[in-house]
């Protein structure tokens, strides 16, 4: 975030009143605050690259971490989750919980709550996201853009774009200082 501070900025306001044009000149102090989200671009050339990236994020994990994955079918969202889960020490087979909506993995170093909200079509009534945000562990949400209004303000968002047979372009956006620090440490 940066602050642009304009002092004694002169402006002219022109408006019509009863078909007469008036011009008003004033001096004022203006503070314009712009929030600029950091954004990181990463290219992975294989599933292994995506897994290594996920492992790097896992190495800096913290309790109640929320990772939102966005991208078309087959873009690497579940591969990322597999890498993260493997680094946690979860040895179960990680698949997208498309029909279950949520899979809970409790056999690792910390709990992992893996959600696939595609089938909810925006209706999160029965999801219980608020309860999961209070549990200890890490939450990874696939198709997070489908429930954007329900997501916590502070989170890590990763957008996957297919750019080749195995090549992916990832746009990583941290929301909140914890996630900004996370990205600085990992990327």
N, C-alpha and C. Protein backbone atom coordinates (compact mmCIF):
# COMPACT_ATOMS: atom_id res chain seq x y z
N UNK A 1 0.85 -1.16 0.00
CA UNK A 1 0.00 0.00 0.00
C UNK A 1 0.90 1.23 0.00
N UNK A 2 0.53 2.21 -0.74
CA UNK A 2 1.25 3.47 -0.66
C UNK A 2 0.25 4.60 -0.60
N UNK A 3 0.72 5.71 -0.10
CA UNK A 3 -0.16 6.87 0.05
C UNK A 3 0.37 7.97 -0.85
N UNK A 4 -0.49 8.49 -1.66
CA UNK A 4 -0.17 9.62 -2.50
C UNK A 4 -0.81 10.83 -1.84
N UNK A 5 0.00 11.79 -1.49
CA UNK A 5 -0.48 12.94 -0.73
C UNK A 5 -0.38 14.18 -1.61
N UNK A 6 -1.48 14.76 -1.95
CA UNK A 6 -1.51 15.95 -2.78
C UNK A 6 -1.84 17.15 -1.91
N UNK A 7 -1.03 18.19 -2.00
CA UNK A 7 -1.20 19.36 -1.17
C UNK A 7 -1.59 20.54 -2.05
N UNK A 8 -2.52 21.33 -1.58
CA UNK A 8 -2.95 22.52 -2.31
C UNK A 8 -3.25 22.23 -3.77
N UNK A 9 -3.95 21.15 -3.99
CA UNK A 9 -4.33 20.76 -5.34
C UNK A 9 -5.47 21.66 -5.81
N UNK A 10 -5.29 22.25 -6.96
CA UNK A 10 -6.31 23.15 -7.49
C UNK A 10 -7.18 22.39 -8.48
N UNK A 11 -8.43 22.59 -8.34
CA UNK A 11 -9.33 21.96 -9.29
C UNK A 11 -10.45 22.92 -9.67
N UNK A 12 -11.01 22.67 -10.79
CA UNK A 12 -12.13 23.46 -11.27
C UNK A 12 -13.35 22.57 -11.40
N UNK A 13 -14.41 23.02 -10.88
CA UNK A 13 -15.66 22.29 -10.99
C UNK A 13 -16.58 23.10 -11.87
N UNK A 14 -17.06 22.48 -12.89
CA UNK A 14 -17.97 23.16 -13.79
C UNK A 14 -19.31 22.45 -13.75
N UNK A 15 -20.33 23.19 -13.55
CA UNK A 15 -21.66 22.60 -13.54
C UNK A 15 -22.67 23.60 -14.07
N UNK A 16 -23.77 23.09 -14.48
CA UNK A 16 -24.82 23.95 -15.02
C UNK A 16 -25.90 24.17 -13.98
N UNK A 17 -26.35 25.38 -13.92
CA UNK A 17 -27.46 25.70 -13.04
C UNK A 17 -28.30 26.73 -13.76
N UNK A 18 -29.50 26.35 -14.08
CA UNK A 18 -30.42 27.22 -14.81
C UNK A 18 -29.77 27.76 -16.09
N UNK A 19 -29.15 26.84 -16.83
CA UNK A 19 -28.52 27.15 -18.11
C UNK A 19 -27.38 28.15 -18.01
N UNK A 20 -26.86 28.37 -16.83
CA UNK A 20 -25.71 29.27 -16.67
C UNK A 20 -24.53 28.41 -16.22
N UNK A 21 -23.36 28.61 -16.82
CA UNK A 21 -22.17 27.84 -16.50
C UNK A 21 -21.40 28.53 -15.39
N UNK A 22 -21.19 27.81 -14.31
CA UNK A 22 -20.45 28.34 -13.18
C UNK A 22 -19.09 27.64 -13.09
N UNK A 23 -18.12 28.34 -12.64
CA UNK A 23 -16.81 27.73 -12.43
C UNK A 23 -16.39 28.02 -11.00
N UNK A 24 -15.96 27.02 -10.31
CA UNK A 24 -15.61 27.15 -8.91
C UNK A 24 -14.16 26.70 -8.72
N UNK A 25 -13.35 27.54 -8.10
CA UNK A 25 -11.96 27.19 -7.87
C UNK A 25 -11.74 27.07 -6.37
N UNK A 26 -11.10 26.00 -5.95
CA UNK A 26 -10.85 25.76 -4.53
C UNK A 26 -9.48 25.14 -4.33
N UNK A 27 -8.96 25.34 -3.13
CA UNK A 27 -7.74 24.67 -2.69
C UNK A 27 -8.14 23.63 -1.63
N UNK A 28 -7.53 22.49 -1.67
CA UNK A 28 -7.83 21.50 -0.66
C UNK A 28 -6.67 20.53 -0.52
N UNK A 29 -6.71 19.80 0.55
CA UNK A 29 -5.75 18.74 0.78
C UNK A 29 -6.43 17.43 0.43
N UNK A 30 -5.75 16.62 -0.30
CA UNK A 30 -6.33 15.34 -0.69
C UNK A 30 -5.38 14.21 -0.32
N UNK A 31 -5.93 13.21 0.23
CA UNK A 31 -5.16 12.00 0.49
C UNK A 31 -5.83 10.88 -0.29
N UNK A 32 -5.07 10.31 -1.14
CA UNK A 32 -5.57 9.20 -1.94
C UNK A 32 -4.83 7.96 -1.48
N UNK A 33 -5.56 7.00 -1.02
CA UNK A 33 -4.96 5.76 -0.56
C UNK A 33 -5.30 4.68 -1.58
N UNK A 34 -4.26 4.06 -2.08
CA UNK A 34 -4.46 2.99 -3.06
C UNK A 34 -3.88 1.70 -2.49
N UNK A 35 -4.65 0.67 -2.53
CA UNK A 35 -4.17 -0.62 -2.09
C UNK A 35 -3.72 -1.37 -3.33
N UNK A 36 -2.47 -1.73 -3.31
CA UNK A 36 -1.92 -2.47 -4.42
C UNK A 36 -1.58 -3.87 -3.92
N UNK A 37 -2.23 -4.87 -4.47
CA UNK A 37 -1.93 -6.24 -4.08
C UNK A 37 -0.67 -6.68 -4.78
N UNK A 38 0.20 -7.30 -4.00
CA UNK A 38 1.39 -7.89 -4.60
C UNK A 38 0.91 -9.02 -5.50
N UNK A 39 1.66 -9.27 -6.53
CA UNK A 39 1.32 -10.36 -7.42
C UNK A 39 2.62 -10.96 -7.92
N UNK A 40 2.71 -12.26 -7.85
CA UNK A 40 3.91 -12.97 -8.28
C UNK A 40 3.54 -13.88 -9.44
N UNK A 41 4.42 -13.96 -10.41
CA UNK A 41 4.22 -14.85 -11.56
C UNK A 41 5.27 -15.95 -11.48
N UNK A 42 4.81 -17.19 -11.58
CA UNK A 42 5.69 -18.35 -11.54
C UNK A 42 5.31 -19.25 -12.70
N UNK A 43 6.31 -19.79 -13.37
CA UNK A 43 6.06 -20.76 -14.44
C UNK A 43 6.56 -22.12 -13.99
N UNK A 44 5.71 -23.12 -14.09
CA UNK A 44 6.14 -24.48 -13.82
C UNK A 44 6.13 -25.24 -15.15
N UNK A 45 7.14 -26.08 -15.33
CA UNK A 45 7.28 -26.81 -16.59
C UNK A 45 6.86 -28.27 -16.49
N UNK A 46 6.46 -28.69 -15.29
CA UNK A 46 6.06 -30.08 -15.09
C UNK A 46 5.27 -30.19 -13.79
N UNK A 47 4.65 -31.35 -13.60
CA UNK A 47 3.96 -31.61 -12.34
C UNK A 47 4.94 -31.54 -11.18
N UNK A 48 6.16 -32.03 -11.40
CA UNK A 48 7.18 -32.02 -10.36
C UNK A 48 7.48 -30.59 -9.91
N UNK A 49 7.54 -29.64 -10.85
CA UNK A 49 7.76 -28.23 -10.49
C UNK A 49 6.63 -27.70 -9.60
N UNK A 50 5.40 -28.07 -9.95
CA UNK A 50 4.24 -27.64 -9.16
C UNK A 50 4.29 -28.25 -7.76
N UNK A 51 4.69 -29.50 -7.67
CA UNK A 51 4.82 -30.17 -6.37
C UNK A 51 5.90 -29.50 -5.52
N UNK A 52 7.03 -29.17 -6.13
CA UNK A 52 8.11 -28.51 -5.39
C UNK A 52 7.65 -27.15 -4.88
N UNK A 53 6.92 -26.42 -5.69
CA UNK A 53 6.39 -25.12 -5.25
C UNK A 53 5.47 -25.31 -4.04
N UNK A 54 4.59 -26.30 -4.11
CA UNK A 54 3.67 -26.58 -3.00
C UNK A 54 4.46 -26.96 -1.74
N UNK A 55 5.51 -27.76 -1.91
CA UNK A 55 6.34 -28.16 -0.77
C UNK A 55 7.02 -26.94 -0.14
N UNK A 56 7.43 -25.99 -0.98
CA UNK A 56 8.05 -24.77 -0.46
C UNK A 56 7.06 -23.95 0.36
N UNK A 57 5.82 -23.87 -0.09
CA UNK A 57 4.80 -23.17 0.69
C UNK A 57 4.52 -23.92 1.99
N UNK A 58 4.48 -25.24 1.92
CA UNK A 58 4.23 -26.04 3.12
C UNK A 58 5.31 -25.81 4.16
N UNK A 59 6.55 -25.63 3.73
CA UNK A 59 7.65 -25.45 4.68
C UNK A 59 7.51 -24.18 5.51
N UNK A 60 6.68 -23.25 5.04
CA UNK A 60 6.45 -21.99 5.76
C UNK A 60 5.01 -21.89 6.27
N UNK A 61 4.33 -23.02 6.36
CA UNK A 61 2.91 -23.03 6.75
C UNK A 61 2.71 -22.42 8.13
N UNK A 62 1.49 -22.04 8.40
CA UNK A 62 1.09 -21.58 9.73
C UNK A 62 -0.34 -22.02 9.97
N UNK A 63 -0.73 -22.02 11.22
CA UNK A 63 -2.05 -22.50 11.59
C UNK A 63 -3.15 -21.63 10.97
N UNK A 64 -4.20 -22.26 10.54
CA UNK A 64 -5.35 -21.60 9.91
C UNK A 64 -5.00 -20.92 8.59
N UNK A 65 -4.00 -21.41 7.93
CA UNK A 65 -3.61 -20.92 6.61
C UNK A 65 -4.70 -21.29 5.61
N UNK A 66 -5.02 -20.36 4.71
CA UNK A 66 -6.03 -20.61 3.68
C UNK A 66 -5.38 -20.37 2.32
N UNK A 67 -5.41 -21.42 1.48
CA UNK A 67 -4.86 -21.33 0.13
C UNK A 67 -6.01 -21.56 -0.84
N UNK A 68 -6.24 -20.59 -1.69
CA UNK A 68 -7.33 -20.64 -2.67
C UNK A 68 -6.76 -20.92 -4.04
N UNK A 69 -7.18 -22.01 -4.66
CA UNK A 69 -6.69 -22.42 -5.96
C UNK A 69 -7.76 -22.18 -7.01
N UNK A 70 -7.34 -21.53 -8.09
CA UNK A 70 -8.27 -21.16 -9.15
C UNK A 70 -7.66 -21.56 -10.49
N UNK A 71 -8.45 -22.17 -11.34
CA UNK A 71 -7.95 -22.53 -12.66
C UNK A 71 -8.86 -23.55 -13.30
N UNK A 72 -8.70 -23.68 -14.59
CA UNK A 72 -9.56 -24.60 -15.33
C UNK A 72 -9.24 -26.05 -14.97
N UNK A 73 -10.08 -26.94 -15.39
CA UNK A 73 -9.92 -28.36 -15.16
C UNK A 73 -8.57 -28.82 -15.72
N UNK A 74 -7.82 -29.56 -14.92
CA UNK A 74 -6.54 -30.10 -15.37
C UNK A 74 -5.38 -29.11 -15.33
N UNK A 75 -5.56 -27.99 -14.65
CA UNK A 75 -4.51 -26.97 -14.65
C UNK A 75 -3.47 -27.15 -13.55
N UNK A 76 -3.73 -28.04 -12.58
CA UNK A 76 -2.71 -28.32 -11.57
C UNK A 76 -3.12 -28.07 -10.13
N UNK A 77 -4.38 -27.77 -9.91
CA UNK A 77 -4.85 -27.47 -8.55
C UNK A 77 -4.67 -28.67 -7.62
N UNK A 78 -5.09 -29.84 -8.07
CA UNK A 78 -4.97 -31.03 -7.23
C UNK A 78 -3.52 -31.48 -7.13
N UNK A 79 -2.74 -31.29 -8.17
CA UNK A 79 -1.30 -31.61 -8.11
C UNK A 79 -0.63 -30.77 -7.04
N UNK A 80 -0.98 -29.49 -6.97
CA UNK A 80 -0.44 -28.61 -5.93
C UNK A 80 -0.81 -29.16 -4.56
N UNK A 81 -2.06 -29.53 -4.39
CA UNK A 81 -2.54 -30.06 -3.10
C UNK A 81 -1.80 -31.34 -2.74
N UNK A 82 -1.56 -32.21 -3.72
CA UNK A 82 -0.80 -33.45 -3.48
C UNK A 82 0.59 -33.13 -2.96
N UNK A 83 1.24 -32.15 -3.56
CA UNK A 83 2.58 -31.76 -3.12
C UNK A 83 2.57 -31.21 -1.71
N UNK A 84 1.59 -30.39 -1.40
CA UNK A 84 1.46 -29.80 -0.06
C UNK A 84 1.20 -30.90 0.96
N UNK A 85 0.27 -31.79 0.65
CA UNK A 85 -0.08 -32.89 1.56
C UNK A 85 1.10 -33.82 1.77
N UNK A 86 1.81 -34.14 0.72
CA UNK A 86 2.99 -35.00 0.84
C UNK A 86 4.04 -34.39 1.76
N UNK A 87 4.24 -33.09 1.65
CA UNK A 87 5.21 -32.41 2.51
C UNK A 87 4.75 -32.40 3.97
N UNK A 88 3.43 -32.45 4.18
CA UNK A 88 2.90 -32.53 5.55
C UNK A 88 3.08 -33.92 6.14
N UNK A 89 3.44 -34.88 5.29
CA UNK A 89 3.59 -36.26 5.76
C UNK A 89 2.32 -37.08 5.61
N UNK A 90 1.38 -36.57 4.84
CA UNK A 90 0.13 -37.31 4.60
C UNK A 90 0.41 -38.32 3.50
N UNK A 91 0.23 -39.59 3.82
CA UNK A 91 0.55 -40.63 2.84
C UNK A 91 -0.68 -41.19 2.13
N UNK A 92 -1.84 -40.62 2.42
CA UNK A 92 -3.06 -41.05 1.74
C UNK A 92 -3.05 -40.56 0.29
N UNK A 93 -3.81 -41.24 -0.56
CA UNK A 93 -3.94 -40.81 -1.94
C UNK A 93 -4.78 -39.53 -1.98
N UNK A 94 -4.22 -38.46 -2.51
CA UNK A 94 -4.92 -37.18 -2.58
C UNK A 94 -5.63 -37.07 -3.92
N UNK A 95 -6.94 -36.96 -3.87
CA UNK A 95 -7.74 -36.74 -5.08
C UNK A 95 -8.63 -35.53 -4.83
N UNK A 96 -9.11 -34.97 -5.90
CA UNK A 96 -9.99 -33.82 -5.75
C UNK A 96 -11.31 -34.27 -5.13
N UNK A 97 -11.76 -33.58 -4.09
CA UNK A 97 -13.01 -33.99 -3.43
C UNK A 97 -14.25 -33.46 -4.14
N UNK A 98 -14.30 -33.64 -5.44
CA UNK A 98 -15.37 -33.09 -6.26
C UNK A 98 -16.76 -33.48 -5.76
N UNK A 99 -16.94 -34.74 -5.44
CA UNK A 99 -18.27 -35.19 -5.03
C UNK A 99 -18.45 -35.13 -3.51
N UNK A 100 -17.35 -35.23 -2.77
CA UNK A 100 -17.42 -35.14 -1.31
C UNK A 100 -17.46 -33.69 -0.84
N UNK A 101 -16.98 -32.79 -1.63
CA UNK A 101 -16.82 -31.37 -1.34
C UNK A 101 -15.63 -31.13 -0.40
N UNK A 102 -15.53 -31.88 0.70
CA UNK A 102 -14.44 -31.70 1.66
C UNK A 102 -13.83 -33.04 2.03
N UNK A 103 -12.50 -33.10 2.01
CA UNK A 103 -11.78 -34.26 2.53
C UNK A 103 -10.89 -33.76 3.65
N UNK A 104 -10.95 -34.44 4.77
CA UNK A 104 -10.12 -34.08 5.92
C UNK A 104 -8.99 -35.09 6.04
N UNK A 105 -7.78 -34.58 6.09
CA UNK A 105 -6.60 -35.42 6.28
C UNK A 105 -5.98 -35.06 7.63
N UNK A 106 -5.95 -36.03 8.52
CA UNK A 106 -5.48 -35.76 9.88
C UNK A 106 -4.22 -36.55 10.24
N UNK A 107 -3.65 -37.26 9.27
CA UNK A 107 -2.50 -38.12 9.56
C UNK A 107 -1.16 -37.41 9.41
N UNK A 108 -1.18 -36.16 9.05
CA UNK A 108 0.08 -35.44 8.83
C UNK A 108 0.51 -34.61 10.01
N UNK A 109 1.51 -33.82 9.78
CA UNK A 109 2.08 -32.93 10.78
C UNK A 109 1.05 -31.94 11.32
N UNK A 110 0.12 -31.55 10.47
CA UNK A 110 -1.02 -30.73 10.86
C UNK A 110 -2.21 -31.18 10.02
N UNK A 111 -3.40 -30.82 10.41
CA UNK A 111 -4.59 -31.21 9.65
C UNK A 111 -4.65 -30.45 8.33
N UNK A 112 -5.13 -31.14 7.31
CA UNK A 112 -5.35 -30.52 6.01
C UNK A 112 -6.82 -30.71 5.66
N UNK A 113 -7.48 -29.60 5.34
CA UNK A 113 -8.88 -29.62 4.90
C UNK A 113 -8.88 -29.22 3.44
N UNK A 114 -9.17 -30.20 2.60
CA UNK A 114 -9.12 -30.01 1.14
C UNK A 114 -10.55 -29.91 0.62
N UNK A 115 -10.87 -28.77 0.04
CA UNK A 115 -12.23 -28.51 -0.43
C UNK A 115 -12.24 -28.31 -1.94
N UNK A 116 -13.28 -28.81 -2.56
CA UNK A 116 -13.54 -28.56 -3.98
C UNK A 116 -14.97 -28.03 -4.04
N UNK A 117 -15.10 -26.74 -4.29
CA UNK A 117 -16.41 -26.09 -4.20
C UNK A 117 -17.09 -25.90 -5.56
N UNK A 118 -16.57 -26.57 -6.57
CA UNK A 118 -17.12 -26.40 -7.92
C UNK A 118 -18.61 -26.73 -7.98
N UNK A 119 -19.01 -27.82 -7.39
CA UNK A 119 -20.40 -28.27 -7.48
C UNK A 119 -21.36 -27.46 -6.62
N UNK A 120 -20.84 -26.61 -5.75
CA UNK A 120 -21.72 -25.80 -4.90
C UNK A 120 -22.40 -24.68 -5.68
N UNK A 121 -21.82 -24.30 -6.80
CA UNK A 121 -22.35 -23.22 -7.64
C UNK A 121 -22.65 -21.97 -6.82
N UNK A 122 -21.76 -21.66 -5.87
CA UNK A 122 -21.89 -20.44 -5.08
C UNK A 122 -22.71 -20.59 -3.81
N UNK A 123 -23.43 -21.69 -3.65
CA UNK A 123 -24.26 -21.88 -2.46
C UNK A 123 -23.43 -22.58 -1.38
N UNK A 124 -22.97 -21.82 -0.40
CA UNK A 124 -22.10 -22.37 0.65
C UNK A 124 -22.85 -22.68 1.94
N UNK A 125 -24.16 -22.73 1.87
CA UNK A 125 -25.00 -22.94 3.05
C UNK A 125 -24.53 -24.13 3.90
N UNK A 126 -24.27 -25.25 3.27
CA UNK A 126 -23.92 -26.46 4.00
C UNK A 126 -22.41 -26.72 4.06
N UNK A 127 -21.61 -25.80 3.58
CA UNK A 127 -20.16 -26.02 3.54
C UNK A 127 -19.53 -25.98 4.92
N UNK A 128 -19.95 -25.03 5.75
CA UNK A 128 -19.36 -24.92 7.09
C UNK A 128 -17.97 -24.30 7.08
N UNK A 129 -17.72 -23.43 6.12
CA UNK A 129 -16.40 -22.82 5.99
C UNK A 129 -15.98 -22.09 7.26
N UNK A 130 -16.92 -21.40 7.89
CA UNK A 130 -16.60 -20.67 9.14
C UNK A 130 -16.04 -21.61 10.20
N UNK A 131 -16.62 -22.80 10.33
CA UNK A 131 -16.15 -23.76 11.32
C UNK A 131 -14.74 -24.24 10.99
N UNK A 132 -14.49 -24.48 9.70
CA UNK A 132 -13.15 -24.93 9.30
C UNK A 132 -12.11 -23.84 9.54
N UNK A 133 -12.50 -22.60 9.41
CA UNK A 133 -11.57 -21.50 9.64
C UNK A 133 -11.17 -21.40 11.11
N UNK A 134 -11.96 -21.99 11.98
CA UNK A 134 -11.67 -21.98 13.42
C UNK A 134 -10.89 -23.22 13.85
N UNK A 135 -10.84 -24.25 13.01
CA UNK A 135 -10.12 -25.48 13.34
C UNK A 135 -8.62 -25.26 13.12
N UNK A 136 -7.84 -26.05 13.84
CA UNK A 136 -6.40 -26.02 13.60
C UNK A 136 -6.11 -26.74 12.29
N UNK A 137 -5.23 -26.18 11.50
CA UNK A 137 -4.84 -26.84 10.26
C UNK A 137 -4.72 -25.87 9.12
N UNK A 138 -4.63 -26.43 7.93
CA UNK A 138 -4.51 -25.68 6.68
C UNK A 138 -5.72 -26.01 5.82
N UNK A 139 -6.28 -24.99 5.19
CA UNK A 139 -7.42 -25.18 4.29
C UNK A 139 -6.95 -24.89 2.87
N UNK A 140 -7.17 -25.82 1.97
CA UNK A 140 -6.91 -25.60 0.54
C UNK A 140 -8.25 -25.73 -0.17
N UNK A 141 -8.61 -24.69 -0.92
CA UNK A 141 -9.92 -24.65 -1.59
C UNK A 141 -9.72 -24.59 -3.10
N UNK A 142 -10.14 -25.64 -3.78
CA UNK A 142 -10.12 -25.63 -5.25
C UNK A 142 -11.39 -24.95 -5.76
N UNK A 143 -11.26 -24.24 -6.86
CA UNK A 143 -12.35 -23.49 -7.47
C UNK A 143 -12.83 -22.38 -6.53
N UNK A 144 -11.92 -21.79 -5.80
CA UNK A 144 -12.25 -20.79 -4.78
C UNK A 144 -12.97 -19.57 -5.36
N UNK A 145 -12.79 -19.32 -6.63
CA UNK A 145 -13.47 -18.17 -7.25
C UNK A 145 -14.99 -18.35 -7.27
N UNK A 146 -15.45 -19.58 -7.09
CA UNK A 146 -16.88 -19.86 -7.07
C UNK A 146 -17.55 -19.37 -5.78
N UNK A 147 -16.74 -19.15 -4.73
CA UNK A 147 -17.30 -18.70 -3.45
C UNK A 147 -16.54 -17.46 -2.94
N UNK A 148 -16.09 -16.65 -3.85
CA UNK A 148 -15.23 -15.50 -3.51
C UNK A 148 -15.78 -14.65 -2.37
N UNK A 149 -17.09 -14.43 -2.34
CA UNK A 149 -17.67 -13.58 -1.30
C UNK A 149 -17.61 -14.22 0.08
N UNK A 150 -17.39 -15.52 0.15
CA UNK A 150 -17.33 -16.24 1.43
C UNK A 150 -15.91 -16.41 1.95
N UNK A 151 -14.92 -16.08 1.13
CA UNK A 151 -13.53 -16.32 1.53
C UNK A 151 -13.07 -15.31 2.57
N UNK A 152 -12.15 -15.72 3.43
CA UNK A 152 -11.61 -14.76 4.39
C UNK A 152 -10.80 -13.68 3.68
N UNK A 153 -10.75 -12.50 4.26
CA UNK A 153 -9.99 -11.41 3.65
C UNK A 153 -8.53 -11.77 3.50
N UNK A 154 -7.97 -12.42 4.51
CA UNK A 154 -6.56 -12.81 4.47
C UNK A 154 -6.46 -14.23 3.97
N UNK A 155 -5.73 -14.38 2.86
CA UNK A 155 -5.59 -15.69 2.24
C UNK A 155 -4.51 -15.62 1.17
N UNK A 156 -4.14 -16.77 0.65
CA UNK A 156 -3.23 -16.86 -0.48
C UNK A 156 -4.03 -17.36 -1.67
N UNK A 157 -3.94 -16.65 -2.77
CA UNK A 157 -4.68 -17.04 -3.97
C UNK A 157 -3.68 -17.42 -5.05
N UNK A 158 -3.88 -18.59 -5.64
CA UNK A 158 -3.02 -19.05 -6.72
C UNK A 158 -3.89 -19.36 -7.93
N UNK A 159 -3.64 -18.65 -9.02
CA UNK A 159 -4.37 -18.87 -10.27
C UNK A 159 -3.48 -19.68 -11.22
N UNK A 160 -4.04 -20.77 -11.72
CA UNK A 160 -3.32 -21.65 -12.63
C UNK A 160 -3.82 -21.42 -14.05
N UNK A 161 -2.88 -21.33 -14.98
CA UNK A 161 -3.25 -21.20 -16.39
C UNK A 161 -2.42 -22.19 -17.19
N UNK A 162 -3.08 -22.98 -18.00
CA UNK A 162 -2.40 -23.94 -18.86
C UNK A 162 -1.75 -23.19 -20.02
N UNK A 163 -0.43 -23.35 -20.16
CA UNK A 163 0.27 -22.67 -21.26
C UNK A 163 1.00 -23.65 -22.17
N UNK A 164 0.92 -24.92 -21.86
CA UNK A 164 1.54 -25.96 -22.66
C UNK A 164 1.10 -27.31 -22.14
N UNK A 165 1.61 -28.39 -22.75
CA UNK A 165 1.19 -29.72 -22.32
C UNK A 165 1.38 -29.92 -20.82
N UNK A 166 2.54 -29.57 -20.30
CA UNK A 166 2.78 -29.66 -18.86
C UNK A 166 3.11 -28.31 -18.24
N UNK A 167 3.26 -27.31 -19.06
CA UNK A 167 3.67 -25.98 -18.60
C UNK A 167 2.46 -25.20 -18.05
N UNK A 168 2.68 -24.57 -16.91
CA UNK A 168 1.63 -23.78 -16.27
C UNK A 168 2.18 -22.41 -15.87
N UNK A 169 1.33 -21.42 -16.00
CA UNK A 169 1.64 -20.08 -15.51
C UNK A 169 0.80 -19.87 -14.25
N UNK A 170 1.47 -19.56 -13.15
CA UNK A 170 0.77 -19.36 -11.88
C UNK A 170 0.89 -17.90 -11.47
N UNK A 171 -0.23 -17.33 -11.11
CA UNK A 171 -0.25 -15.97 -10.56
C UNK A 171 -0.61 -16.11 -9.10
N UNK A 172 0.30 -15.68 -8.25
CA UNK A 172 0.15 -15.86 -6.81
C UNK A 172 -0.08 -14.49 -6.17
N UNK A 173 -1.20 -14.36 -5.48
CA UNK A 173 -1.57 -13.09 -4.85
C UNK A 173 -1.80 -13.30 -3.37
N UNK A 174 -0.97 -12.66 -2.54
CA UNK A 174 -1.20 -12.74 -1.09
C UNK A 174 -2.14 -11.63 -0.64
N UNK A 175 -3.07 -11.98 0.21
CA UNK A 175 -3.98 -11.00 0.81
C UNK A 175 -3.71 -11.01 2.32
N UNK A 176 -3.11 -9.96 2.82
CA UNK A 176 -2.78 -9.87 4.24
C UNK A 176 -1.28 -10.01 4.46
N UNK A 177 -0.81 -9.41 5.54
CA UNK A 177 0.63 -9.36 5.81
C UNK A 177 1.27 -10.72 6.03
N UNK A 178 0.54 -11.67 6.66
CA UNK A 178 1.10 -13.01 6.86
C UNK A 178 1.39 -13.67 5.52
N UNK A 179 0.48 -13.46 4.58
CA UNK A 179 0.64 -14.09 3.27
C UNK A 179 1.67 -13.36 2.42
N UNK A 180 1.79 -12.06 2.60
CA UNK A 180 2.86 -11.31 1.93
C UNK A 180 4.21 -11.80 2.41
N UNK A 181 4.36 -11.97 3.74
CA UNK A 181 5.61 -12.49 4.29
C UNK A 181 5.89 -13.90 3.77
N UNK A 182 4.84 -14.70 3.70
CA UNK A 182 4.96 -16.07 3.19
C UNK A 182 5.55 -16.06 1.78
N UNK A 183 5.00 -15.22 0.93
CA UNK A 183 5.46 -15.15 -0.46
C UNK A 183 6.90 -14.64 -0.53
N UNK A 184 7.23 -13.67 0.30
CA UNK A 184 8.61 -13.16 0.33
C UNK A 184 9.58 -14.27 0.73
N UNK A 185 9.17 -15.15 1.65
CA UNK A 185 10.03 -16.23 2.11
C UNK A 185 10.15 -17.35 1.08
N UNK A 186 9.08 -17.61 0.35
CA UNK A 186 9.04 -18.76 -0.53
C UNK A 186 9.48 -18.44 -1.96
N UNK A 187 9.08 -17.28 -2.46
CA UNK A 187 9.32 -16.98 -3.87
C UNK A 187 10.59 -16.16 -4.10
